């Protein structure tokens, strides 16, 4: 509906490139209405899911967020679609300089943040915390709110659940936490929250898959995302490890200026 209503404005603007951000249906509409305009899609939906439909809609450029996603995209892309890898960027300064939020919870604080959808596996993290002498800080909202409410009502540990938070305030909560834990399914295309946790220097417990290992590097604690006991063990290892981790080298590929320059270069190449 929004795209249909915006067609006249787009025609008046007369762009050379359009970045489609709302799935294959939007992309098909744009290609039909603007056949001479170059189209770009970022692979944010995850390997084998909506991104596949976007590839089938034949954008001129498909930008994969990880090397693994690029390998997959090359196999499914039309010959006229250029496929490249450019990761998500991160501005590390706010996560290193923010004043820690005041959180009245038992230490250590286990922090998880994300949309409450099934493939993010937030209930598994809640269950894992129930095995530990720690507290839980959860930031997020979504379709599983009723289930999360039920899970938290049965949790003996102290917890704080913030459903909505301005992005500018998020760094303060990373800075106030001790361990970051996010264990999604492989469907998770990237996981920008890992970069945020890395920028804050937090020990990270993450899903044991190639994408997460590539992002976090050797300092991560990798677990089975569907095994709450394994997640709890990962958190325990993280608590016993370094309190702060220097991810400087790991974060270099995600430097904001570097990523922006790469995107600009590819967009200019299209035209």
C-alpha atoms as a PDB file:
ATOM      1  CA  UNK A   1       0.000   0.000   0.000  1.00  0.00           C
ATOM      2  CA  UNK A   2       2.723   2.489   0.981  1.00  0.00           C
ATOM      3  CA  UNK A   3       4.784   1.751  -2.124  1.00  0.00           C
ATOM      4  CA  UNK A   4       1.729   2.032  -4.388  1.00  0.00           C
ATOM      5  CA  UNK A   5       0.857   5.367  -2.819  1.00  0.00           C
ATOM      6  CA  UNK A   6       4.435   6.554  -3.289  1.00  0.00           C
ATOM      7  CA  UNK A   7       4.764   5.755  -6.999  1.00  0.00           C
ATOM      8  CA  UNK A   8       3.955   9.271  -8.184  1.00  0.00           C
ATOM      9  CA  UNK A   9       6.482  10.784  -5.781  1.00  0.00           C
ATOM     10  CA  UNK A  10       9.127   8.303  -6.917  1.00  0.00           C
ATOM     11  CA  UNK A  11       8.456   9.128 -10.574  1.00  0.00           C
ATOM     12  CA  UNK A  12       8.795  12.832  -9.810  1.00  0.00           C
ATOM     13  CA  UNK A  13      12.067  12.230  -7.966  1.00  0.00           C
ATOM     14  CA  UNK A  14      13.337  10.176 -10.934  1.00  0.00           C
ATOM     15  CA  UNK A  15      15.955   8.069  -9.109  1.00  0.00           C
ATOM     16  CA  UNK A  16      18.739   6.119 -10.783  1.00  0.00           C
ATOM     17  CA  UNK A  17      18.802   3.489  -8.016  1.00  0.00           C
ATOM     18  CA  UNK A  18      16.074   2.221  -5.684  1.00  0.00           C
ATOM     19  CA  UNK A  19      16.848   0.166  -2.580  1.00  0.00           C
ATOM     20  CA  UNK A  20      13.895  -2.145  -1.894  1.00  0.00           C
ATOM     21  CA  UNK A  21      13.496  -2.818   1.820  1.00  0.00           C
ATOM     22  CA  UNK A  22      10.103  -4.502   2.056  1.00  0.00           C
ATOM     23  CA  UNK A  23      10.364  -7.878   0.387  1.00  0.00           C
ATOM     24  CA  UNK A  24       9.927  -9.394  -3.043  1.00  0.00           C
ATOM     25  CA  UNK A  25       6.450  -7.970  -3.698  1.00  0.00           C
ATOM     26  CA  UNK A  26       7.759  -4.433  -3.359  1.00  0.00           C
ATOM     27  CA  UNK A  27      10.761  -5.278  -5.521  1.00  0.00           C
ATOM     28  CA  UNK A  28       8.570  -6.726  -8.286  1.00  0.00           C
ATOM     29  CA  UNK A  29       6.366  -3.635  -8.227  1.00  0.00           C
ATOM     30  CA  UNK A  30       9.377  -1.342  -8.477  1.00  0.00           C
ATOM     31  CA  UNK A  31      10.861  -3.319 -11.362  1.00  0.00           C
ATOM     32  CA  UNK A  32       7.542  -3.217 -13.212  1.00  0.00           C
ATOM     33  CA  UNK A  33       6.939   0.502 -12.706  1.00  0.00           C
ATOM     34  CA  UNK A  34      10.556   1.602 -13.178  1.00  0.00           C
ATOM     35  CA  UNK A  35      12.149  -0.867 -15.626  1.00  0.00           C
ATOM     36  CA  UNK A  36      15.170   1.371 -16.306  1.00  0.00           C
ATOM     37  CA  UNK A  37      15.977   2.029 -12.647  1.00  0.00           C
ATOM     38  CA  UNK A  38      18.574  -0.160 -10.945  1.00  0.00           C
ATOM     39  CA  UNK A  39      17.316  -2.075  -7.899  1.00  0.00           C
ATOM     40  CA  UNK A  40      19.202  -3.102  -4.774  1.00  0.00           C
ATOM     41  CA  UNK A  41      18.312  -5.494  -1.956  1.00  0.00           C
ATOM     42  CA  UNK A  42      20.125  -6.078   1.336  1.00  0.00           C
ATOM     43  CA  UNK A  43      19.870  -9.683   2.530  1.00  0.00           C
ATOM     44  CA  UNK A  44      18.449  -9.004   5.979  1.00  0.00           C
ATOM     45  CA  UNK A  45      15.824 -11.754   6.150  1.00  0.00           C
ATOM     46  CA  UNK A  46      18.155 -14.737   6.508  1.00  0.00           C
ATOM     47  CA  UNK A  47      19.407 -17.605   4.388  1.00  0.00           C
ATOM     48  CA  UNK A  48      16.659 -19.595   2.687  1.00  0.00           C
ATOM     49  CA  UNK A  49      13.721 -17.433   3.725  1.00  0.00           C
ATOM     50  CA  UNK A  50      12.400 -14.122   2.348  1.00  0.00           C
ATOM     51  CA  UNK A  51      15.794 -13.397   0.841  1.00  0.00           C
ATOM     52  CA  UNK A  52      15.238 -16.283  -1.566  1.00  0.00           C
ATOM     53  CA  UNK A  53      12.054 -14.655  -2.845  1.00  0.00           C
ATOM     54  CA  UNK A  54      13.940 -11.383  -3.258  1.00  0.00           C
ATOM     55  CA  UNK A  55      16.614 -13.125  -5.316  1.00  0.00           C
ATOM     56  CA  UNK A  56      13.932 -14.683  -7.511  1.00  0.00           C
ATOM     57  CA  UNK A  57      12.600 -11.151  -8.143  1.00  0.00           C
ATOM     58  CA  UNK A  58      15.930 -10.417  -9.861  1.00  0.00           C
ATOM     59  CA  UNK A  59      17.365  -7.255  -8.301  1.00  0.00           C
ATOM     60  CA  UNK A  60      20.361  -5.740 -10.054  1.00  0.00           C
ATOM     61  CA  UNK A  61      22.393  -5.957  -6.850  1.00  0.00           C
ATOM     62  CA  UNK A  62      21.997  -8.250  -3.837  1.00  0.00           C
ATOM     63  CA  UNK A  63      24.127  -7.365  -0.807  1.00  0.00           C
ATOM     64  CA  UNK A  64      24.714 -10.309   1.544  1.00  0.00           C
ATOM     65  CA  UNK A  65      25.588  -9.488   5.142  1.00  0.00           C
ATOM     66  CA  UNK A  66      27.919 -12.458   5.719  1.00  0.00           C
ATOM     67  CA  UNK A  67      30.267 -14.592   3.591  1.00  0.00           C
ATOM     68  CA  UNK A  68      28.010 -17.588   4.250  1.00  0.00           C
ATOM     69  CA  UNK A  69      24.994 -15.695   2.936  1.00  0.00           C
ATOM     70  CA  UNK A  70      26.965 -14.651  -0.140  1.00  0.00           C
ATOM     71  CA  UNK A  71      27.887 -18.261  -0.944  1.00  0.00           C
ATOM     72  CA  UNK A  72      24.212 -19.197  -0.658  1.00  0.00           C
ATOM     73  CA  UNK A  73      23.000 -16.202  -2.691  1.00  0.00           C
ATOM     74  CA  UNK A  74      25.359 -16.925  -5.579  1.00  0.00           C
ATOM     75  CA  UNK A  75      23.711 -20.336  -5.985  1.00  0.00           C
ATOM     76  CA  UNK A  76      20.197 -18.860  -6.197  1.00  0.00           C
ATOM     77  CA  UNK A  77      20.719 -15.529  -7.955  1.00  0.00           C
ATOM     78  CA  UNK A  78      19.770 -14.883 -11.583  1.00  0.00           C
ATOM     79  CA  UNK A  79      22.715 -14.352 -13.914  1.00  0.00           C
ATOM     80  CA  UNK A  80      21.829 -10.643 -14.200  1.00  0.00           C
ATOM     81  CA  UNK A  81      21.956 -10.130 -10.422  1.00  0.00           C
ATOM     82  CA  UNK A  82      25.300  -9.098  -8.984  1.00  0.00           C
ATOM     83  CA  UNK A  83      25.885 -10.589  -5.534  1.00  0.00           C
ATOM     84  CA  UNK A  84      28.401  -9.145  -3.081  1.00  0.00           C
ATOM     85  CA  UNK A  85      29.205  -9.209   0.638  1.00  0.00           C
ATOM     86  CA  UNK A  86      29.069  -6.032   2.727  1.00  0.00           C
ATOM     87  CA  UNK A  87      28.460  -6.458   6.481  1.00  0.00           C
ATOM     88  CA  UNK A  88      26.379  -4.374   8.839  1.00  0.00           C
ATOM     89  CA  UNK A  89      28.267  -1.364  10.232  1.00  0.00           C
ATOM     90  CA  UNK A  90      28.695  -0.225  13.821  1.00  0.00           C
ATOM     91  CA  UNK A  91      29.575   3.129  15.357  1.00  0.00           C
ATOM     92  CA  UNK A  92      31.466   1.944  18.421  1.00  0.00           C
ATOM     93  CA  UNK A  93      31.823   5.290  20.213  1.00  0.00           C
ATOM     94  CA  UNK A  94      28.422   5.371  22.007  1.00  0.00           C
ATOM     95  CA  UNK A  95      28.953   1.846  23.327  1.00  0.00           C
ATOM     96  CA  UNK A  96      32.326   2.753  24.782  1.00  0.00           C
ATOM     97  CA  UNK A  97      31.494   6.160  26.239  1.00  0.00           C
ATOM     98  CA  UNK A  98      27.901   5.904  27.496  1.00  0.00           C
ATOM     99  CA  UNK A  99      27.312   6.185  31.227  1.00  0.00           C
ATOM    100  CA  UNK A 100      26.041   2.791  32.478  1.00  0.00           C
ATOM    101  CA  UNK A 101      22.321   2.700  33.175  1.00  0.00           C
ATOM    102  CA  UNK A 102      21.279   2.331  36.796  1.00  0.00           C
ATOM    103  CA  UNK A 103      19.793  -1.162  37.058  1.00  0.00           C
ATOM    104  CA  UNK A 104      18.747  -2.567  40.420  1.00  0.00           C
ATOM    105  CA  UNK A 105      19.443  -6.235  39.711  1.00  0.00           C
ATOM    106  CA  UNK A 106      21.602  -8.946  41.249  1.00  0.00           C
ATOM    107  CA  UNK A 107      25.041  -9.273  39.679  1.00  0.00           C
ATOM    108  CA  UNK A 108      25.982 -10.655  37.223  1.00  0.00           C
ATOM    109  CA  UNK A 109      23.380  -9.222  34.855  1.00  0.00           C
ATOM    110  CA  UNK A 110      22.715 -11.353  31.776  1.00  0.00           C
ATOM    111  CA  UNK A 111      21.569  -9.109  28.940  1.00  0.00           C
ATOM    112  CA  UNK A 112      19.567 -10.148  25.877  1.00  0.00           C
ATOM    113  CA  UNK A 113      17.898  -7.894  23.336  1.00  0.00           C
ATOM    114  CA  UNK A 114      15.852  -8.554  20.215  1.00  0.00           C
ATOM    115  CA  UNK A 115      12.431  -8.870  18.668  1.00  0.00           C
ATOM    116  CA  UNK A 116      10.342 -11.492  20.454  1.00  0.00           C
ATOM    117  CA  UNK A 117       9.898 -13.852  17.515  1.00  0.00           C
ATOM    118  CA  UNK A 118      10.239 -17.616  17.581  1.00  0.00           C
ATOM    119  CA  UNK A 119      13.582 -17.935  15.782  1.00  0.00           C
ATOM    120  CA  UNK A 120      15.308 -15.576  18.244  1.00  0.00           C
ATOM    121  CA  UNK A 121      14.898 -18.239  20.984  1.00  0.00           C
ATOM    122  CA  UNK A 122      14.487 -15.769  23.853  1.00  0.00           C
ATOM    123  CA  UNK A 123      12.573 -18.375  25.946  1.00  0.00           C
ATOM    124  CA  UNK A 124      15.684 -20.585  25.876  1.00  0.00           C
ATOM    125  CA  UNK A 125      17.741 -17.767  27.374  1.00  0.00           C
ATOM    126  CA  UNK A 126      15.157 -17.205  30.111  1.00  0.00           C
ATOM    127  CA  UNK A 127      15.215 -20.914  30.944  1.00  0.00           C
ATOM    128  CA  UNK A 128      19.018 -20.900  30.996  1.00  0.00           C
ATOM    129  CA  UNK A 129      19.097 -18.014  33.475  1.00  0.00           C
ATOM    130  CA  UNK A 130      16.753 -19.966  35.758  1.00  0.00           C
ATOM    131  CA  UNK A 131      19.599 -22.453  36.340  1.00  0.00           C
ATOM    132  CA  UNK A 132      22.015 -19.736  37.448  1.00  0.00           C
ATOM    133  CA  UNK A 133      22.619 -17.322  40.309  1.00  0.00           C
ATOM    134  CA  UNK A 134      22.272 -14.269  38.116  1.00  0.00           C
ATOM    135  CA  UNK A 135      19.662 -11.800  36.917  1.00  0.00           C
ATOM    136  CA  UNK A 136      18.166 -11.155  33.492  1.00  0.00           C
ATOM    137  CA  UNK A 137      17.819  -7.903  31.578  1.00  0.00           C
ATOM    138  CA  UNK A 138      15.558  -8.276  28.535  1.00  0.00           C
ATOM    139  CA  UNK A 139      14.848  -5.549  25.996  1.00  0.00           C
ATOM    140  CA  UNK A 140      12.385  -6.279  23.222  1.00  0.00           C
ATOM    141  CA  UNK A 141       8.795  -6.779  22.158  1.00  0.00           C
ATOM    142  CA  UNK A 142       6.955  -8.856  19.587  1.00  0.00           C
ATOM    143  CA  UNK A 143       4.610 -11.717  18.864  1.00  0.00           C
ATOM    144  CA  UNK A 144       5.831 -13.895  21.757  1.00  0.00           C
ATOM    145  CA  UNK A 145       5.039 -11.373  24.495  1.00  0.00           C
ATOM    146  CA  UNK A 146       2.369 -13.578  26.074  1.00  0.00           C
ATOM    147  CA  UNK A 147       4.738 -16.558  26.192  1.00  0.00           C
ATOM    148  CA  UNK A 148       7.557 -14.404  27.559  1.00  0.00           C
ATOM    149  CA  UNK A 149       5.239 -13.000  30.232  1.00  0.00           C
ATOM    150  CA  UNK A 150       4.386 -16.547  31.313  1.00  0.00           C
ATOM    151  CA  UNK A 151       8.038 -17.630  31.331  1.00  0.00           C
ATOM    152  CA  UNK A 152       9.118 -14.635  33.395  1.00  0.00           C
ATOM    153  CA  UNK A 153       6.290 -15.174  35.885  1.00  0.00           C
ATOM    154  CA  UNK A 154       7.848 -18.559  36.692  1.00  0.00           C
ATOM    155  CA  UNK A 155      11.401 -17.211  36.945  1.00  0.00           C
ATOM    156  CA  UNK A 156      12.767 -17.063  40.489  1.00  0.00           C
ATOM    157  CA  UNK A 157      15.698 -14.892  39.422  1.00  0.00           C
ATOM    158  CA  UNK A 158      15.501 -11.131  39.461  1.00  0.00           C
ATOM    159  CA  UNK A 159      14.738  -9.664  36.044  1.00  0.00           C
ATOM    160  CA  UNK A 160      13.876  -6.465  34.231  1.00  0.00           C
ATOM    161  CA  UNK A 161      11.918  -6.425  30.974  1.00  0.00           C
ATOM    162  CA  UNK A 162      11.928  -3.239  28.924  1.00  0.00           C
ATOM    163  CA  UNK A 163       9.611  -3.587  25.952  1.00  0.00           C
ATOM    164  CA  UNK A 164      10.477  -0.347  24.199  1.00  0.00           C
ATOM    165  CA  UNK A 165      13.620   1.761  24.353  1.00  0.00           C
ATOM    166  CA  UNK A 166      14.961   4.599  22.240  1.00  0.00           C
ATOM    167  CA  UNK A 167      18.016   3.365  20.292  1.00  0.00           C
ATOM    168  CA  UNK A 168      20.089   6.241  21.653  1.00  0.00           C
ATOM    169  CA  UNK A 169      19.605   4.891  25.190  1.00  0.00           C
ATOM    170  CA  UNK A 170      20.603   1.314  24.375  1.00  0.00           C
ATOM    171  CA  UNK A 171      24.394   1.712  24.846  1.00  0.00           C
ATOM    172  CA  UNK A 172      23.875   2.549  28.530  1.00  0.00           C
ATOM    173  CA  UNK A 173      22.262  -0.857  29.105  1.00  0.00           C
ATOM    174  CA  UNK A 174      25.086  -2.732  27.418  1.00  0.00           C
ATOM    175  CA  UNK A 175      27.495  -0.805  29.635  1.00  0.00           C
ATOM    176  CA  UNK A 176      25.549  -1.776  32.765  1.00  0.00           C
ATOM    177  CA  UNK A 177      25.474  -5.501  31.936  1.00  0.00           C
ATOM    178  CA  UNK A 178      28.035  -8.229  32.516  1.00  0.00           C
ATOM    179  CA  UNK A 179      27.267 -10.910  29.921  1.00  0.00           C
ATOM    180  CA  UNK A 180      25.478 -10.623  26.574  1.00  0.00           C
ATOM    181  CA  UNK A 181      23.483 -13.686  25.501  1.00  0.00           C
ATOM    182  CA  UNK A 182      21.655 -13.994  22.171  1.00  0.00           C
ATOM    183  CA  UNK A 183      21.074 -17.439  20.654  1.00  0.00           C
ATOM    184  CA  UNK A 184      18.959 -17.256  17.475  1.00  0.00           C
ATOM    185  CA  UNK A 185      18.400 -19.900  14.817  1.00  0.00           C
ATOM    186  CA  UNK A 186      20.570 -19.850  11.653  1.00  0.00           C
ATOM    187  CA  UNK A 187      17.697 -17.927  10.040  1.00  0.00           C
ATOM    188  CA  UNK A 188      19.068 -14.823  11.781  1.00  0.00           C
ATOM    189  CA  UNK A 189      20.762 -13.073   8.866  1.00  0.00           C
ATOM    190  CA  UNK A 190      23.405 -11.318  10.936  1.00  0.00           C
ATOM    191  CA  UNK A 191      22.737 -10.052  14.447  1.00  0.00           C
ATOM    192  CA  UNK A 192      23.787  -6.437  14.757  1.00  0.00           C
ATOM    193  CA  UNK A 193      23.348  -6.739  18.518  1.00  0.00           C
ATOM    194  CA  UNK A 194      26.550  -8.786  18.576  1.00  0.00           C
ATOM    195  CA  UNK A 195      28.464  -5.809  17.200  1.00  0.00           C
ATOM    196  CA  UNK A 196      26.906  -3.610  19.871  1.00  0.00           C
ATOM    197  CA  UNK A 197      27.932  -6.044  22.607  1.00  0.00           C
ATOM    198  CA  UNK A 198      31.421  -6.279  21.127  1.00  0.00           C
ATOM    199  CA  UNK A 199      31.711  -2.491  21.039  1.00  0.00           C
ATOM    200  CA  UNK A 200      30.811  -2.479  24.748  1.00  0.00           C
ATOM    201  CA  UNK A 201      33.451  -5.141  25.445  1.00  0.00           C
ATOM    202  CA  UNK A 202      31.007  -7.700  26.842  1.00  0.00           C
ATOM    203  CA  UNK A 203      31.634 -11.455  26.954  1.00  0.00           C
ATOM    204  CA  UNK A 204      29.179 -12.964  24.452  1.00  0.00           C
ATOM    205  CA  UNK A 205      27.217 -16.221  24.513  1.00  0.00           C
ATOM    206  CA  UNK A 206      25.955 -16.974  21.011  1.00  0.00           C
ATOM    207  CA  UNK A 207      24.573 -19.687  18.756  1.00  0.00           C
ATOM    208  CA  UNK A 208      27.183 -22.137  17.530  1.00  0.00           C
ATOM    209  CA  UNK A 209      26.952 -21.631  13.775  1.00  0.00           C
ATOM    210  CA  UNK A 210      29.361 -20.326  11.105  1.00  0.00           C
ATOM    211  CA  UNK A 211      27.756 -16.876  10.897  1.00  0.00           C
ATOM    212  CA  UNK A 212      28.011 -16.157  14.615  1.00  0.00           C
ATOM    213  CA  UNK A 213      31.552 -17.561  14.808  1.00  0.00           C
ATOM    214  CA  UNK A 214      32.599 -15.324  11.916  1.00  0.00           C
ATOM    215  CA  UNK A 215      31.169 -12.200  13.568  1.00  0.00           C
ATOM    216  CA  UNK A 216      32.377 -12.719  17.139  1.00  0.00           C
ATOM    217  CA  UNK A 217      35.633 -14.569  16.575  1.00  0.00           C
ATOM    218  CA  UNK A 218      37.581 -16.644  19.063  1.00  0.00           C
ATOM    219  CA  UNK A 219      36.389 -14.750  22.137  1.00  0.00           C
ATOM    220  CA  UNK A 220      32.790 -15.979  21.918  1.00  0.00           C
ATOM    221  CA  UNK A 221      31.125 -18.699  23.978  1.00  0.00           C
ATOM    222  CA  UNK A 222      29.174 -20.785  21.469  1.00  0.00           C
ATOM    223  CA  UNK A 223      26.207 -22.964  22.419  1.00  0.00           C
ATOM    224  CA  UNK A 224      23.259 -24.953  21.093  1.00  0.00           C
ATOM    225  CA  UNK A 225      20.467 -22.342  20.788  1.00  0.00           C
ATOM    226  CA  UNK A 226      17.770 -24.892  21.622  1.00  0.00           C
ATOM    227  CA  UNK A 227      19.480 -26.403  24.676  1.00  0.00           C
ATOM    228  CA  UNK A 228      18.906 -24.194  27.711  1.00  0.00           C
ATOM    229  CA  UNK A 229      21.336 -26.275  29.787  1.00  0.00           C
ATOM    230  CA  UNK A 230      24.082 -25.725  27.213  1.00  0.00           C
ATOM    231  CA  UNK A 231      23.265 -22.011  27.139  1.00  0.00           C
ATOM    232  CA  UNK A 232      23.519 -21.904  30.944  1.00  0.00           C
ATOM    233  CA  UNK A 233      26.913 -23.606  30.774  1.00  0.00           C
ATOM    234  CA  UNK A 234      28.038 -21.055  28.206  1.00  0.00           C
ATOM    235  CA  UNK A 235      26.952 -18.228  30.489  1.00  0.00           C
ATOM    236  CA  UNK A 236      28.809 -19.833  33.404  1.00  0.00           C
ATOM    237  CA  UNK A 237      31.993 -20.025  31.320  1.00  0.00           C
ATOM    238  CA  UNK A 238      31.569 -16.397  30.306  1.00  0.00           C
ATOM    239  CA  UNK A 239      31.077 -15.289  33.920  1.00  0.00           C
ATOM    240  CA  UNK A 240      34.301 -17.057  34.915  1.00  0.00           C
ATOM    241  CA  UNK A 241      36.225 -15.549  31.992  1.00  0.00           C
ATOM    242  CA  UNK A 242      37.407 -12.015  31.300  1.00  0.00           C
ATOM    243  CA  UNK A 243      35.100  -9.263  32.538  1.00  0.00           C
ATOM    244  CA  UNK A 244      35.864  -7.093  29.517  1.00  0.00           C
ATOM    245  CA  UNK A 245      37.080  -8.223  26.109  1.00  0.00           C
ATOM    246  CA  UNK A 246      38.965  -6.187  23.514  1.00  0.00           C
ATOM    247  CA  UNK A 247      37.286  -6.827  20.156  1.00  0.00           C
ATOM    248  CA  UNK A 248      39.195  -4.090  18.312  1.00  0.00           C
ATOM    249  CA  UNK A 249      40.518  -6.365  15.565  1.00  0.00           C
ATOM    250  CA  UNK A 250      37.236  -8.265  15.221  1.00  0.00           C
ATOM    251  CA  UNK A 251      35.298  -5.003  14.755  1.00  0.00           C
ATOM    252  CA  UNK A 252      37.504  -3.542  12.009  1.00  0.00           C
ATOM    253  CA  UNK A 253      35.465  -5.016   9.099  1.00  0.00           C
ATOM    254  CA  UNK A 254      32.343  -3.330  10.518  1.00  0.00           C
ATOM    255  CA  UNK A 255      33.778   0.191  10.754  1.00  0.00           C
ATOM    256  CA  UNK A 256      31.022   2.618   9.758  1.00  0.00           C
ATOM    257  CA  UNK A 257      33.108   4.630   7.286  1.00  0.00           C
ATOM    258  CA  UNK A 258      34.488   1.488   5.655  1.00  0.00           C
ATOM    259  CA  UNK A 259      31.047  -0.033   5.145  1.00  0.00           C
ATOM    260  CA  UNK A 260      29.534   3.208   3.826  1.00  0.00           C
ATOM    261  CA  UNK A 261      32.393   3.600   1.337  1.00  0.00           C
ATOM    262  CA  UNK A 262      31.857   0.043   0.105  1.00  0.00           C
ATOM    263  CA  UNK A 263      28.137   0.637  -0.421  1.00  0.00           C
ATOM    264  CA  UNK A 264      28.740   3.939  -2.221  1.00  0.00           C
ATOM    265  CA  UNK A 265      31.251   2.267  -4.524  1.00  0.00           C
ATOM    266  CA  UNK A 266      28.790  -0.460  -5.502  1.00  0.00           C
ATOM    267  CA  UNK A 267      25.917   1.983  -6.055  1.00  0.00           C
ATOM    268  CA  UNK A 268      28.060   4.143  -8.330  1.00  0.00           C
ATOM    269  CA  UNK A 269      29.114   1.027 -10.247  1.00  0.00           C
ATOM    270  CA  UNK A 270      25.454   0.289 -11.022  1.00  0.00           C
ATOM    271  CA  UNK A 271      24.993   3.551 -12.892  1.00  0.00           C
END
